[in-house]
Amino acid sequence: MPLNQPILIEVFEGTWWEAGLVKSLLEDAQIEVYENNLIRGASAFTHITPGYGGVKLLISSENFAEAEKLIREYESNLKKPS
């Protein structure tokens, strides 16, 4: 593998619904997102497909700092009282 080549890293794991929301936030920020549906056992990275169980979101290591910030804001907003 060439030096400095970006690698895929996991940034989020949650339900299909949660992962869809987070994926949309990341894509709106121009961050390419891949997913792995744990229950269906998908070994290839595909678009999110409705199903049951956990979904992992992966991104290029080059986008980690920006993605981490967006995900923290999303999780912080979930904790705020309505």
Protein backbone atom coordinates (compact mmCIF):
# COMPACT_ATOMS: atom_id res chain seq x y z
CA MET A 1 0.00 0.00 0.00
CA PRO A 2 1.46 3.42 -0.93
CA LEU A 3 2.39 5.73 1.92
CA ASN A 4 -0.15 8.37 2.92
CA GLN A 5 -2.99 6.54 1.20
CA PRO A 6 -6.23 7.19 3.07
CA ILE A 7 -7.84 4.24 4.80
CA LEU A 8 -11.47 3.62 5.73
CA ILE A 9 -12.30 4.08 9.39
CA GLU A 10 -15.52 3.51 11.31
CA VAL A 11 -17.11 6.71 12.62
CA PHE A 12 -20.59 5.59 13.64
CA GLU A 13 -22.59 2.47 14.48
CA GLY A 14 -26.32 2.46 15.08
CA THR A 15 -29.70 1.39 13.82
CA TRP A 16 -30.56 1.60 10.14
CA TRP A 17 -32.57 4.77 10.81
CA GLU A 18 -29.85 6.50 12.89
CA ALA A 19 -27.17 5.59 10.38
CA GLY A 20 -29.27 7.05 7.57
CA LEU A 21 -29.52 10.39 9.40
CA VAL A 22 -25.80 10.52 10.13
CA LYS A 23 -24.94 9.45 6.59
CA SER A 24 -27.04 12.34 5.24
CA LEU A 25 -25.26 14.83 7.51
CA LEU A 26 -21.87 13.61 6.33
CA GLU A 27 -22.83 13.58 2.66
CA ASP A 28 -24.22 17.13 2.98
CA ALA A 29 -20.69 18.10 4.12
CA GLN A 30 -19.26 16.46 0.98
CA ILE A 31 -17.86 13.49 2.92
CA GLU A 32 -18.12 10.18 1.06
CA VAL A 33 -19.66 7.54 3.32
CA TYR A 34 -19.69 3.75 3.07
CA GLU A 35 -21.82 1.44 5.19
CA ASN A 36 -21.72 -2.13 6.34
CA ASN A 37 -25.02 -3.65 7.50
CA LEU A 38 -24.01 -6.02 10.32
CA ILE A 39 -27.16 -8.11 10.43
CA ARG A 40 -27.30 -8.83 6.73
CA GLY A 41 -23.60 -9.61 6.82
CA ALA A 42 -22.77 -7.34 3.91
CA SER A 43 -19.12 -7.62 3.12
CA ALA A 44 -19.19 -5.02 0.36
CA PHE A 45 -19.86 -1.39 1.05
CA THR A 46 -23.23 -0.46 -0.36
CA HIS A 47 -25.92 2.15 -0.02
CA ILE A 48 -28.04 1.75 3.09
CA THR A 49 -30.74 -0.83 2.54
CA PRO A 50 -33.73 -1.12 4.88
CA GLY A 51 -33.23 -3.97 7.27
CA TYR A 52 -32.81 -4.90 10.87
CA GLY A 53 -29.84 -4.45 13.14
CA GLY A 54 -26.69 -2.43 13.33
CA VAL A 55 -25.14 -0.41 10.56
CA LYS A 56 -21.56 0.86 10.60
CA LEU A 57 -20.57 3.99 8.73
CA LEU A 58 -17.06 4.28 7.38
CA ILE A 59 -15.22 7.22 5.85
CA SER A 60 -11.77 8.05 4.53
CA SER A 61 -9.28 8.83 7.28
CA GLU A 62 -8.68 12.19 5.57
CA ASN A 63 -12.18 13.34 6.63
CA PHE A 64 -12.11 12.09 10.20
CA ALA A 65 -11.84 15.43 12.05
CA GLU A 66 -14.72 17.02 10.18
CA ALA A 67 -16.90 13.90 10.45
CA GLU A 68 -16.21 13.55 14.17
CA LYS A 69 -17.33 17.16 14.73
CA LEU A 70 -20.58 16.64 12.79
CA ILE A 71 -21.38 13.41 14.62
CA ARG A 72 -20.71 14.97 18.03
CA GLU A 73 -23.07 17.84 17.18
CA TYR A 74 -25.72 15.34 16.05
CA GLU A 75 -25.38 13.32 19.28
CA SER A 76 -25.42 16.50 21.38
CA ASN A 77 -28.65 17.63 19.72
CA LEU A 78 -30.26 14.28 20.57
CA LYS A 79 -29.66 14.91 24.26
CA LYS A 80 -31.25 18.37 24.29
CA PRO A 81 -34.74 18.53 25.80
CA SER A 82 -37.50 19.27 23.30
